[in-house]
Amino acid sequence: MGGVPLRLPSPLVELDDERIAQRDIRLFLKRDDLINPEIPGNKWRKLKYNISAAKAAGASTLLTFGGAYSNHIRATAAVGYYYGFQTIGVIRGEEHRSLNESLTYATSRGMSLVYMDRTTYRQKTSPDVIGMLRERFGDFYLIPEGGSNSAAVRGCVELADEIDIDFDFLCCACGTGGTLAGMSAGLKPDQRALGFSALKGGDFLADDVAQLQRDTFGEPLSNWSINTEFHFGGFARRTQELNEFIADFSRRHDVTLEWVYVARMMYGIYALTDRRFFPRGFRGHSDCHRLTALLKRSLVSSFQVIGTLSARGGSWFLPGQRPLATVDGEFTVESHPLPGHRLAHGVDHELYGAVIDRAAVVASERGSLRPRACCH
C-alpha cells in the first residue's frame, strides 16, 4: 500500500532494568510508536484495512469522531491527506475558536472539523445521528471513534507475527479495545494478551473486546484479559505517584513515557511483576518469563539535534557519521545507525509539523534500551 513511509516491522528492543531482571523476567518493547510519526502505532494498524475498504467502496470521504486532543483524529487527517480522501472530524464538545496543536495539525492536513454537543455525541452511533451527518455531508466512509471496528481488528492481528522471539505475554494499553481484540487473535495457543485500561470503570471494555471479536471472528477468544486497576483516577488524569514513576523511568532509561496510556501500562507491568503475577517457569521457560509491551503511542526520548532543515535542501548528519539522508523538497526514510532507533523522516519539509519546527531530531537513548540479536 503506497502513501507514506512506514517502518514495518516496527523495532523490538529489550529493556535493561534490574527491577525486572531480579524477578526472572525479560521485558521487550515493541516500538510501534516508530512506524510513522503522523500515523504511529496502533493508528496505522487500525486504519490500514479501513483505507482499503473505503477505496473498495468507492468512497472519497472519511468521517470519524474524537475529542479535541484525539490522536485518532490526527491520524485520520494524515491518512486522508496521503491517500487521497477528504476527511471530516466530528469533535466532541464546544467549538474551539483557537485551535489546539492537534486540531491545527488536522486542519493542516485538510480535515474539516464539525463540533457536536456532548449530549448528541453520546448518541453518535445511532441511526438518527448518522443520518443527520449524511444529510449534511453526503456519502462518506464511517470510521468509529478510536478507529476500532472489524477492519481495525484485522490490522492488529498482524502485530504478533512481527515478534520473532518466543514470549509469554503481550501487553497493551486499552482505550477502546480494538488493539487487544486483534493482537490476541494473532497469538500462539500458549500465549496470552494483557490489556491495561486507561479508563476508570473500564470493566465495560471486556464486553467491547468480546463484541469486536464476535464481529470479526464469529466468537470471542479466551486468551486475553484486561486489568482495570491502574487508571490513576480516570482518563488523562495524573497523580503524584504516576508522575514519580515517569520521572524515575526517565532517570533510569533516558526515556519519558507518554502518560495518558503508555505510562499507566508500564506502571502496571512493574506493579504486577513485584506481585509475581507473571510466574517463573510459565510455558516451561526455566530461565525467565518473557513479556512484550506494545508502545502504540509516542514514547519521547532525549533528543539530539543533528542538523537543520530548509525547504530547498540540505543534509542530516551525526557527528562522525556519513549523511543519513538528503533533503531537496523530499527526503528519504533512513534507519538511525543505532538499532531500534530511527531518524525523523518524511516526504516533504512540512510533514512533521512540530518535529520539523524544532529541527531534525534523532533518539539518543544511551544504551538503556539494548537491542538484542533477535530484534529488528
Protein backbone atom coordinates (compact mmCIF):
# COMPACT_ATOMS: atom_id res chain seq x y z
CA MET A 1 0.00 0.00 0.00
CA GLY A 2 1.54 3.30 -1.06
CA GLY A 3 1.18 6.68 0.58
CA VAL A 4 3.54 7.25 3.49
CA PRO A 5 6.88 5.73 4.54
CA LEU A 6 6.34 3.06 7.18
CA ARG A 7 8.78 1.26 9.39
CA LEU A 8 7.43 -2.26 9.39
CA PRO A 9 8.10 -4.49 11.16
CA SER A 10 8.47 -1.98 13.98
CA PRO A 11 11.59 -2.40 16.14
CA LEU A 12 11.71 -4.76 19.11
CA VAL A 13 14.13 -3.82 21.89
CA GLU A 14 14.81 -5.25 25.32
CA LEU A 15 14.56 -3.05 28.37
CA ASP A 16 17.54 -3.39 30.70
CA ASP A 17 16.18 -2.93 34.23
CA GLU A 18 17.35 -4.79 37.32
CA ARG A 19 13.89 -4.48 38.93
CA ILE A 20 12.51 -6.64 36.14
CA ALA A 21 15.52 -8.95 35.85
CA GLN A 22 15.53 -9.82 39.56
CA ARG A 23 12.08 -11.34 39.10
CA ASP A 24 13.43 -13.58 36.33
CA ILE A 25 11.58 -11.60 33.67
CA ARG A 26 12.79 -10.22 30.36
CA LEU A 27 10.78 -7.26 29.09
CA PHE A 28 10.79 -6.30 25.41
CA LEU A 29 9.31 -3.13 23.97
CA LYS A 30 7.53 -3.34 20.62
CA ARG A 31 8.17 0.14 19.25
CA ASP A 32 5.02 0.70 17.21
CA ASP A 33 5.39 4.38 18.08
CA LEU A 34 8.13 4.43 15.41
CA ILE A 35 6.04 3.17 12.49
CA ASN A 36 5.40 6.72 11.31
CA PRO A 37 5.24 9.95 13.34
CA GLU A 38 1.98 11.06 11.71
CA ILE A 39 0.24 7.68 11.84
CA PRO A 40 2.02 5.92 14.71
CA GLY A 41 1.46 2.55 16.22
CA ASN A 42 -1.99 1.15 16.53
CA LYS A 43 -3.33 4.05 14.47
CA TRP A 44 -1.70 2.70 11.32
CA ARG A 45 -2.69 -0.86 12.11
CA LYS A 46 -6.29 0.21 12.73
CA LEU A 47 -6.56 2.41 9.66
CA LYS A 48 -4.75 0.17 7.18
CA TYR A 49 -7.70 -2.03 6.23
CA ASN A 50 -10.18 0.81 6.66
CA ILE A 51 -8.30 2.59 3.87
CA SER A 52 -8.65 -0.49 1.66
CA ALA A 53 -12.34 -0.87 2.49
CA ALA A 54 -13.03 2.79 1.75
CA LYS A 55 -11.29 2.56 -1.62
CA ALA A 56 -13.14 -0.67 -2.45
CA ALA A 57 -16.43 1.06 -1.64
CA GLY A 58 -15.55 3.95 -3.94
CA ALA A 59 -15.67 6.41 -1.05
CA SER A 60 -13.97 9.77 -1.42
CA THR A 61 -14.61 11.00 2.14
CA LEU A 62 -13.73 9.59 5.56
CA LEU A 63 -15.75 10.72 8.59
CA THR A 64 -14.79 9.91 12.15
CA PHE A 65 -15.24 11.06 15.75
CA GLY A 66 -12.94 12.14 18.56
CA GLY A 67 -12.10 14.60 21.28
CA ALA A 68 -10.18 17.81 20.79
CA TYR A 69 -6.86 16.11 21.61
CA SER A 70 -7.57 12.84 19.82
CA ASN A 71 -4.62 11.01 18.28
CA HIS A 72 -7.14 9.19 16.10
CA ILE A 73 -8.40 12.48 14.62
CA ARG A 74 -4.82 13.44 13.75
CA ALA A 75 -4.07 10.07 12.20
CA THR A 76 -7.27 10.05 10.13
CA ALA A 77 -6.43 13.53 8.83
CA ALA A 78 -2.98 12.28 7.83
CA VAL A 79 -4.40 9.19 6.12
CA GLY A 80 -6.80 11.35 4.14
CA TYR A 81 -4.00 13.68 3.08
CA TYR A 82 -1.65 10.94 1.91
CA TYR A 83 -4.19 8.51 0.47
CA GLY A 84 -6.42 10.94 -1.37
CA PHE A 85 -9.52 11.20 0.83
CA GLN A 86 -11.43 14.19 2.06
CA THR A 87 -11.77 13.94 5.83
CA ILE A 88 -14.34 15.16 8.34
CA GLY A 89 -13.69 15.12 12.07
CA VAL A 90 -16.70 15.29 14.39
CA ILE A 91 -15.28 16.78 17.57
CA ARG A 92 -16.89 16.26 20.96
CA GLY A 93 -17.97 19.43 22.76
CA GLU A 94 -17.89 23.13 22.09
CA GLU A 95 -16.13 24.75 19.16
CA HIS A 96 -12.52 25.68 19.72
CA ARG A 97 -12.07 29.19 18.37
CA SER A 98 -8.35 28.98 18.92
CA LEU A 99 -7.34 25.53 17.72
CA ASN A 100 -5.02 23.44 19.84
CA GLU A 101 -2.00 21.73 18.32
CA SER A 102 -3.87 18.53 17.50
CA LEU A 103 -6.74 20.26 15.70
CA THR A 104 -4.35 22.68 14.00
CA TYR A 105 -2.46 19.71 12.62
CA ALA A 106 -5.71 18.03 11.49
CA THR A 107 -6.83 21.11 9.58
CA SER A 108 -3.35 21.48 8.07
CA ARG A 109 -3.93 18.05 6.53
CA GLY A 110 -7.21 19.20 5.05
CA MET A 111 -9.65 17.87 7.64
CA SER A 112 -12.95 19.72 8.05
CA LEU A 113 -13.99 20.00 11.68
CA VAL A 114 -17.56 19.95 12.94
CA TYR A 115 -18.44 20.23 16.62
CA MET A 116 -21.15 18.18 18.31
CA ASP A 117 -22.65 18.89 21.72
CA ARG A 118 -21.90 16.23 24.31
CA THR A 119 -25.47 15.01 24.62
CA THR A 120 -25.74 14.32 20.89
CA TYR A 121 -22.19 12.96 20.84
CA ARG A 122 -23.15 10.23 23.27
CA GLN A 123 -25.64 9.06 20.63
CA LYS A 124 -23.15 9.35 17.77
CA THR A 125 -23.60 5.75 16.62
CA SER A 126 -27.40 5.96 16.45
CA PRO A 127 -29.10 5.85 13.03
CA ASP A 128 -30.61 9.29 13.67
CA VAL A 129 -27.24 10.96 14.26
CA ILE A 130 -25.53 9.14 11.38
CA GLY A 131 -28.47 10.04 9.13
CA MET A 132 -28.20 13.70 10.14
CA LEU A 133 -24.49 13.65 9.25
CA ARG A 134 -25.19 12.05 5.85
CA GLU A 135 -27.81 14.69 5.09
CA ARG A 136 -25.27 17.38 5.87
CA PHE A 137 -22.14 15.90 4.26
CA GLY A 138 -23.43 13.38 1.71
CA ASP A 139 -21.93 9.92 1.39
CA PHE A 140 -18.88 9.02 3.45
CA TYR A 141 -16.99 6.03 4.80
CA LEU A 142 -17.57 5.93 8.57
CA ILE A 143 -14.69 5.11 10.93
CA PRO A 144 -15.76 4.84 14.60
CA GLU A 145 -14.22 6.79 17.44
CA GLY A 146 -10.74 5.44 18.12
CA GLY A 147 -10.86 3.54 14.82
CA SER A 148 -11.97 0.27 16.44
CA ASN A 149 -14.01 -1.87 14.05
CA SER A 150 -13.55 -5.23 12.35
CA ALA A 151 -11.16 -3.75 9.78
CA ALA A 152 -9.05 -2.33 12.60
CA VAL A 153 -9.06 -5.62 14.47
CA ARG A 154 -7.75 -7.43 11.39
CA GLY A 155 -4.91 -4.94 11.14
CA CYS A 156 -3.90 -5.55 14.75
CA VAL A 157 -3.86 -9.33 14.27
CA GLU A 158 -0.66 -8.92 12.26
CA LEU A 159 1.27 -7.47 15.17
CA ALA A 160 2.19 -10.76 16.84
CA ASP A 161 3.66 -12.18 13.62
CA GLU A 162 6.28 -9.41 13.67
CA ILE A 163 7.67 -10.54 17.03
CA ASP A 164 10.43 -13.02 16.25
CA ILE A 165 11.15 -14.13 19.81
CA ASP A 166 9.27 -16.58 21.96
CA PHE A 167 7.22 -14.74 24.58
CA ASP A 168 4.57 -15.44 27.18
CA PHE A 169 2.51 -12.24 27.47
CA LEU A 170 1.83 -9.42 25.03
CA CYS A 171 0.70 -6.27 26.83
CA CYS A 172 -1.01 -3.13 25.57
CA ALA A 173 -2.86 -0.11 26.90
CA CYS A 174 -6.60 -0.01 26.19
CA GLY A 175 -8.89 2.88 25.29
CA THR A 176 -11.47 1.25 23.01
CA GLY A 177 -10.18 -2.33 22.99
CA GLY A 178 -9.55 -2.71 19.27
CA THR A 179 -5.83 -3.38 19.56
CA LEU A 180 -6.32 -6.02 22.25
CA ALA A 181 -9.12 -7.68 20.25
CA GLY A 182 -6.85 -8.01 17.23
CA MET A 183 -3.44 -8.78 18.69
CA SER A 184 -4.81 -11.58 20.89
CA ALA A 185 -6.11 -13.31 17.76
CA GLY A 186 -2.57 -13.49 16.39
CA LEU A 187 -1.10 -15.31 19.39
CA LYS A 188 0.03 -18.90 19.61
CA PRO A 189 -2.12 -21.26 21.71
CA ASP A 190 0.08 -20.97 24.81
CA GLN A 191 0.50 -17.18 24.76
CA ARG A 192 -1.73 -14.57 26.40
CA ALA A 193 -2.58 -10.91 25.87
CA LEU A 194 -3.00 -8.49 28.76
CA GLY A 195 -4.63 -5.10 28.35
CA PHE A 196 -4.35 -2.20 30.79
CA SER A 197 -7.37 0.11 30.86
CA ALA A 198 -6.59 3.82 30.78
CA LEU A 199 -10.15 4.49 31.93
CA LYS A 200 -11.67 4.47 35.40
CA GLY A 201 -14.50 1.98 35.47
CA GLY A 202 -13.06 0.23 32.44
CA ASP A 203 -14.77 -3.10 33.12
CA PHE A 204 -17.05 -2.45 30.14
CA LEU A 205 -14.03 -2.84 27.86
CA ALA A 206 -14.16 -6.62 28.25
CA ASP A 207 -17.61 -6.63 26.66
CA ASP A 208 -16.41 -4.31 23.90
CA VAL A 209 -13.40 -6.52 23.11
CA ALA A 210 -15.59 -9.63 23.08
CA GLN A 211 -18.06 -7.95 20.71
CA LEU A 212 -15.30 -6.82 18.38
CA GLN A 213 -14.05 -10.40 18.23
CA ARG A 214 -17.57 -11.73 17.57
CA ASP A 215 -17.97 -9.25 14.73
CA THR A 216 -14.58 -10.12 13.26
CA PHE A 217 -14.04 -13.82 14.02
CA GLY A 218 -17.51 -15.10 14.90
CA GLU A 219 -16.77 -15.66 18.58
CA PRO A 220 -14.68 -14.15 21.39
CA LEU A 221 -11.35 -15.68 22.35
CA SER A 222 -10.30 -16.74 25.83
CA ASN A 223 -6.60 -15.84 25.70
CA TRP A 224 -6.83 -12.25 26.91
CA SER A 225 -7.78 -10.24 29.97
CA ILE A 226 -7.97 -6.57 30.96
CA ASN A 227 -6.54 -5.08 34.14
CA THR A 228 -8.56 -2.07 35.29
CA GLU A 229 -6.54 -1.18 38.39
CA PHE A 230 -4.01 1.33 37.08
CA HIS A 231 -6.22 4.21 35.87
CA PHE A 232 -4.85 6.74 38.42
CA GLY A 233 -8.20 8.39 38.99
CA GLY A 234 -9.54 8.42 35.46
CA PHE A 235 -8.69 9.02 31.84
CA ALA A 236 -5.96 11.60 31.27
CA ARG A 237 -5.62 12.29 34.99
CA ARG A 238 -2.25 12.45 36.68
CA THR A 239 -1.24 11.74 40.23
CA GLN A 240 1.97 12.31 42.14
CA GLU A 241 2.58 8.56 42.12
CA LEU A 242 2.31 8.36 38.33
CA ASN A 243 4.45 11.47 37.89
CA GLU A 244 7.16 10.00 40.12
CA PHE A 245 7.12 6.74 38.16
CA ILE A 246 7.51 8.61 34.88
CA ALA A 247 10.34 10.73 36.30
CA ASP A 248 12.13 7.70 37.76
CA PHE A 249 11.80 5.77 34.49
CA SER A 250 13.23 8.77 32.65
CA ARG A 251 16.21 8.96 35.01
CA ARG A 252 16.93 5.25 34.67
CA HIS A 253 16.41 4.89 30.93
CA ASP A 254 16.54 8.41 29.47
CA VAL A 255 13.01 7.83 28.18
CA THR A 256 9.95 9.88 29.05
CA LEU A 257 6.83 7.74 28.82
CA GLU A 258 3.67 9.07 27.17
CA TRP A 259 1.50 9.50 30.24
CA VAL A 260 -2.12 9.01 29.14
CA TYR A 261 -1.73 5.38 28.02
CA VAL A 262 1.83 4.05 27.97
CA ALA A 263 2.91 5.14 31.46
CA ARG A 264 -0.16 3.52 33.02
CA MET A 265 0.57 0.25 31.26
CA MET A 266 4.25 0.31 32.21
CA TYR A 267 3.42 1.12 35.83
CA GLY A 268 1.02 -1.81 35.83
CA ILE A 269 3.64 -4.16 34.40
CA TYR A 270 6.12 -3.21 37.13
CA ALA A 271 3.49 -3.50 39.86
CA LEU A 272 2.32 -6.91 38.68
CA THR A 273 5.93 -8.03 38.38
CA ASP A 274 6.50 -7.14 42.04
CA ARG A 275 3.42 -9.18 42.95
CA ARG A 276 4.77 -12.13 40.96
CA PHE A 277 1.75 -12.08 38.70
CA PHE A 278 3.99 -13.47 35.96
CA PRO A 279 5.23 -16.76 37.45
CA ARG A 280 8.67 -18.13 36.69
CA GLY A 281 8.57 -21.18 34.50
CA PHE A 282 5.32 -20.26 32.76
CA ARG A 283 5.06 -22.23 29.48
CA GLY A 284 8.11 -24.25 30.51
CA HIS A 285 10.66 -21.42 30.42
CA SER A 286 13.04 -22.41 33.19
CA ASP A 287 15.28 -19.38 32.74
CA CYS A 288 12.85 -16.47 32.77
CA HIS A 289 9.45 -15.18 31.82
CA ARG A 290 9.24 -13.11 28.62
CA LEU A 291 6.90 -10.12 28.29
CA THR A 292 6.41 -7.86 25.29
CA ALA A 293 4.88 -4.42 25.89
CA LEU A 294 3.37 -2.59 22.94
CA LEU A 295 4.26 1.09 22.71
CA LYS A 296 1.43 2.20 20.50
CA ARG A 297 1.71 5.89 21.20
CA SER A 298 4.61 8.28 21.18
CA LEU A 299 7.45 7.46 23.52
CA VAL A 300 9.63 10.53 23.87
CA SER A 301 13.38 10.15 24.24
CA SER A 302 16.10 12.67 24.87
CA PHE A 303 16.77 14.22 21.51
CA GLN A 304 19.98 15.23 19.82
CA VAL A 305 19.78 17.94 17.20
CA ILE A 306 21.67 16.64 14.20
CA GLY A 307 21.07 19.23 11.57
CA THR A 308 18.74 21.87 10.23
CA LEU A 309 16.10 21.61 7.58
CA SER A 310 15.39 24.06 4.83
CA ALA A 311 12.63 23.87 2.28
CA ARG A 312 15.19 23.85 -0.50
CA GLY A 313 17.54 21.17 0.67
CA GLY A 314 20.32 20.07 2.97
CA SER A 315 21.78 17.03 4.67
CA TRP A 316 21.32 15.29 8.01
CA PHE A 317 24.46 14.24 9.86
CA LEU A 318 25.52 12.64 13.09
CA PRO A 319 28.97 13.52 14.39
CA GLY A 320 31.41 11.14 12.75
CA GLN A 321 28.72 9.57 10.55
CA ARG A 322 28.02 9.68 6.86
CA PRO A 323 24.92 11.64 5.81
CA LEU A 324 21.81 9.76 6.88
CA ALA A 325 19.51 11.39 4.36
CA THR A 326 19.42 14.21 1.90
CA VAL A 327 16.53 16.60 1.59
CA ASP A 328 15.63 18.53 -1.52
CA GLY A 329 11.93 19.16 -1.23
CA GLU A 330 11.73 15.47 -0.34
CA PHE A 331 13.90 13.41 1.94
CA THR A 332 14.21 9.70 2.37
CA VAL A 333 13.39 7.27 5.13
CA GLU A 334 16.56 6.02 6.78
CA SER A 335 17.28 3.95 9.85
CA HIS A 336 19.30 5.51 12.64
CA PRO A 337 22.76 3.87 12.92
CA LEU A 338 21.77 2.54 16.36
CA PRO A 339 19.43 -0.47 16.05
CA GLY A 340 16.00 0.19 17.46
CA HIS A 341 16.16 3.91 16.75
CA ARG A 342 15.39 5.97 13.72
CA LEU A 343 15.87 9.30 12.09
CA ALA A 344 12.96 11.70 11.94
CA HIS A 345 11.88 11.20 8.36
CA GLY A 346 9.28 12.22 5.87
CA VAL A 347 8.01 13.03 2.42
CA ASP A 348 8.29 16.81 2.34
CA HIS A 349 9.55 19.64 4.50
CA GLU A 350 6.12 20.29 6.03
CA LEU A 351 5.46 16.70 7.02
CA TYR A 352 6.15 16.56 10.70
CA GLY A 353 4.83 19.86 11.97
CA ALA A 354 6.19 20.41 15.43
CA VAL A 355 9.07 17.96 14.88
CA ILE A 356 10.28 19.88 11.86
CA ASP A 357 9.81 23.16 13.74
CA ARG A 358 12.41 22.08 16.26
CA ALA A 359 14.80 20.76 13.58
CA ALA A 360 15.92 17.26 12.81
CA VAL A 361 15.98 15.05 15.86
CA VAL A 362 17.05 11.53 16.49
CA ALA A 363 16.60 9.39 19.56
CA SER A 364 19.76 9.02 21.61
CA GLU A 365 18.82 6.63 24.37
CA ARG A 366 22.34 5.98 25.68
CA GLY A 367 22.12 2.25 25.58
CA SER A 368 19.40 1.77 28.21
CA LEU A 369 17.20 0.14 25.58
CA ARG A 370 19.54 -2.60 24.42
CA PRO A 371 18.65 -4.30 21.16
CA ARG A 372 19.37 -7.99 21.05
CA ALA A 373 20.30 -10.10 18.06
CA CYS A 374 16.66 -11.19 17.75
CA CYS A 375 15.39 -7.68 17.32
CA HIS A 376 14.59 -5.80 14.12
